[in-house]
């Protein structure tokens, strides 16, 4: 029984380690939105950024190849 519990624990750990961290940010082109986007990108999250109007700052972030960001209008 203990052996099975240890295997379950290892599998759970592997699943958590391999989960992708994604976040959807609405209003990402606003001042708060852009800072929130930067924060999540810095922590290694994949960001889906929704914007309504000014996307220039978001496009600048998306040009950096290390950032995982998708833009949605």
C-alpha atoms as a PDB file:
ATOM      1  CA  UNK A   1       0.000   0.000   0.000  1.00  0.00           C
ATOM      2  CA  UNK A   2       2.802   2.423   0.861  1.00  0.00           C
ATOM      3  CA  UNK A   3       4.520   1.670  -2.448  1.00  0.00           C
ATOM      4  CA  UNK A   4       1.350   2.540  -4.378  1.00  0.00           C
ATOM      5  CA  UNK A   5       0.925   5.792  -2.447  1.00  0.00           C
ATOM      6  CA  UNK A   6       4.482   6.797  -3.276  1.00  0.00           C
ATOM      7  CA  UNK A   7       3.847   6.161  -6.976  1.00  0.00           C
ATOM      8  CA  UNK A   8       0.666   8.213  -6.893  1.00  0.00           C
ATOM      9  CA  UNK A   9       2.582  11.033  -5.204  1.00  0.00           C
ATOM     10  CA  UNK A  10       5.301  10.916  -7.898  1.00  0.00           C
ATOM     11  CA  UNK A  11       2.711  10.989 -10.678  1.00  0.00           C
ATOM     12  CA  UNK A  12       0.918  13.962  -9.086  1.00  0.00           C
ATOM     13  CA  UNK A  13       4.222  15.818  -8.776  1.00  0.00           C
ATOM     14  CA  UNK A  14       5.053  15.182 -12.449  1.00  0.00           C
ATOM     15  CA  UNK A  15       1.619  16.386 -13.545  1.00  0.00           C
ATOM     16  CA  UNK A  16       1.913  19.613 -11.578  1.00  0.00           C
ATOM     17  CA  UNK A  17       5.452  20.223 -12.845  1.00  0.00           C
ATOM     18  CA  UNK A  18       4.337  19.847 -16.481  1.00  0.00           C
ATOM     19  CA  UNK A  19       1.188  21.970 -16.302  1.00  0.00           C
ATOM     20  CA  UNK A  20       1.280  25.014 -18.522  1.00  0.00           C
ATOM     21  CA  UNK A  21       0.611  28.287 -16.811  1.00  0.00           C
ATOM     22  CA  UNK A  22      -1.676  30.425 -18.967  1.00  0.00           C
ATOM     23  CA  UNK A  23      -3.526  33.594 -18.140  1.00  0.00           C
ATOM     24  CA  UNK A  24      -6.070  35.711 -20.037  1.00  0.00           C
ATOM     25  CA  UNK A  25      -5.762  39.425 -19.328  1.00  0.00           C
ATOM     26  CA  UNK A  26      -8.673  41.617 -20.398  1.00  0.00           C
ATOM     27  CA  UNK A  27      -7.885  45.280 -21.004  1.00  0.00           C
ATOM     28  CA  UNK A  28      -4.199  44.461 -21.354  1.00  0.00           C
ATOM     29  CA  UNK A  29      -3.359  47.708 -23.149  1.00  0.00           C
ATOM     30  CA  UNK A  30      -4.358  49.896 -20.187  1.00  0.00           C
ATOM     31  CA  UNK A  31      -1.722  51.005 -17.693  1.00  0.00           C
ATOM     32  CA  UNK A  32      -2.696  48.369 -15.126  1.00  0.00           C
ATOM     33  CA  UNK A  33      -3.177  45.767 -17.856  1.00  0.00           C
ATOM     34  CA  UNK A  34       0.280  46.280 -19.372  1.00  0.00           C
ATOM     35  CA  UNK A  35       1.962  46.060 -15.967  1.00  0.00           C
ATOM     36  CA  UNK A  36      -0.008  42.908 -15.131  1.00  0.00           C
ATOM     37  CA  UNK A  37       1.008  41.424 -18.485  1.00  0.00           C
ATOM     38  CA  UNK A  38       4.674  42.218 -17.806  1.00  0.00           C
ATOM     39  CA  UNK A  39       4.431  40.635 -14.353  1.00  0.00           C
ATOM     40  CA  UNK A  40       3.047  37.362 -15.682  1.00  0.00           C
ATOM     41  CA  UNK A  41       5.558  37.257 -18.551  1.00  0.00           C
ATOM     42  CA  UNK A  42       8.404  37.822 -16.109  1.00  0.00           C
ATOM     43  CA  UNK A  43       7.185  34.841 -14.070  1.00  0.00           C
ATOM     44  CA  UNK A  44       7.213  32.649 -17.197  1.00  0.00           C
ATOM     45  CA  UNK A  45       3.478  32.456 -17.829  1.00  0.00           C
ATOM     46  CA  UNK A  46       1.946  32.271 -21.291  1.00  0.00           C
ATOM     47  CA  UNK A  47      -0.224  35.377 -21.664  1.00  0.00           C
ATOM     48  CA  UNK A  48      -3.286  35.858 -23.834  1.00  0.00           C
ATOM     49  CA  UNK A  49      -3.700  39.631 -23.920  1.00  0.00           C
ATOM     50  CA  UNK A  50      -7.007  41.192 -24.989  1.00  0.00           C
ATOM     51  CA  UNK A  51      -7.010  44.842 -26.014  1.00  0.00           C
ATOM     52  CA  UNK A  52      -9.540  47.269 -27.464  1.00  0.00           C
ATOM     53  CA  UNK A  53      -7.536  50.215 -28.758  1.00  0.00           C
ATOM     54  CA  UNK A  54      -3.846  50.987 -28.344  1.00  0.00           C
ATOM     55  CA  UNK A  55      -1.809  47.827 -28.852  1.00  0.00           C
ATOM     56  CA  UNK A  56       1.621  49.403 -29.485  1.00  0.00           C
ATOM     57  CA  UNK A  57       3.056  48.532 -26.033  1.00  0.00           C
ATOM     58  CA  UNK A  58       1.690  44.989 -26.266  1.00  0.00           C
ATOM     59  CA  UNK A  59       3.150  44.539 -29.743  1.00  0.00           C
ATOM     60  CA  UNK A  60       6.506  45.686 -28.397  1.00  0.00           C
ATOM     61  CA  UNK A  61       6.307  42.977 -25.706  1.00  0.00           C
ATOM     62  CA  UNK A  62       5.329  40.356 -28.276  1.00  0.00           C
ATOM     63  CA  UNK A  63       8.401  41.115 -30.404  1.00  0.00           C
ATOM     64  CA  UNK A  64      10.658  39.766 -27.654  1.00  0.00           C
ATOM     65  CA  UNK A  65      11.093  36.088 -28.559  1.00  0.00           C
ATOM     66  CA  UNK A  66      11.361  34.913 -24.937  1.00  0.00           C
ATOM     67  CA  UNK A  67       7.852  36.223 -24.180  1.00  0.00           C
ATOM     68  CA  UNK A  68       4.964  33.835 -24.767  1.00  0.00           C
ATOM     69  CA  UNK A  69       2.173  36.236 -25.618  1.00  0.00           C
ATOM     70  CA  UNK A  70      -0.839  36.137 -27.919  1.00  0.00           C
ATOM     71  CA  UNK A  71      -2.750  39.297 -28.767  1.00  0.00           C
ATOM     72  CA  UNK A  72      -6.522  39.348 -29.253  1.00  0.00           C
ATOM     73  CA  UNK A  73      -8.619  42.332 -30.311  1.00  0.00           C
END
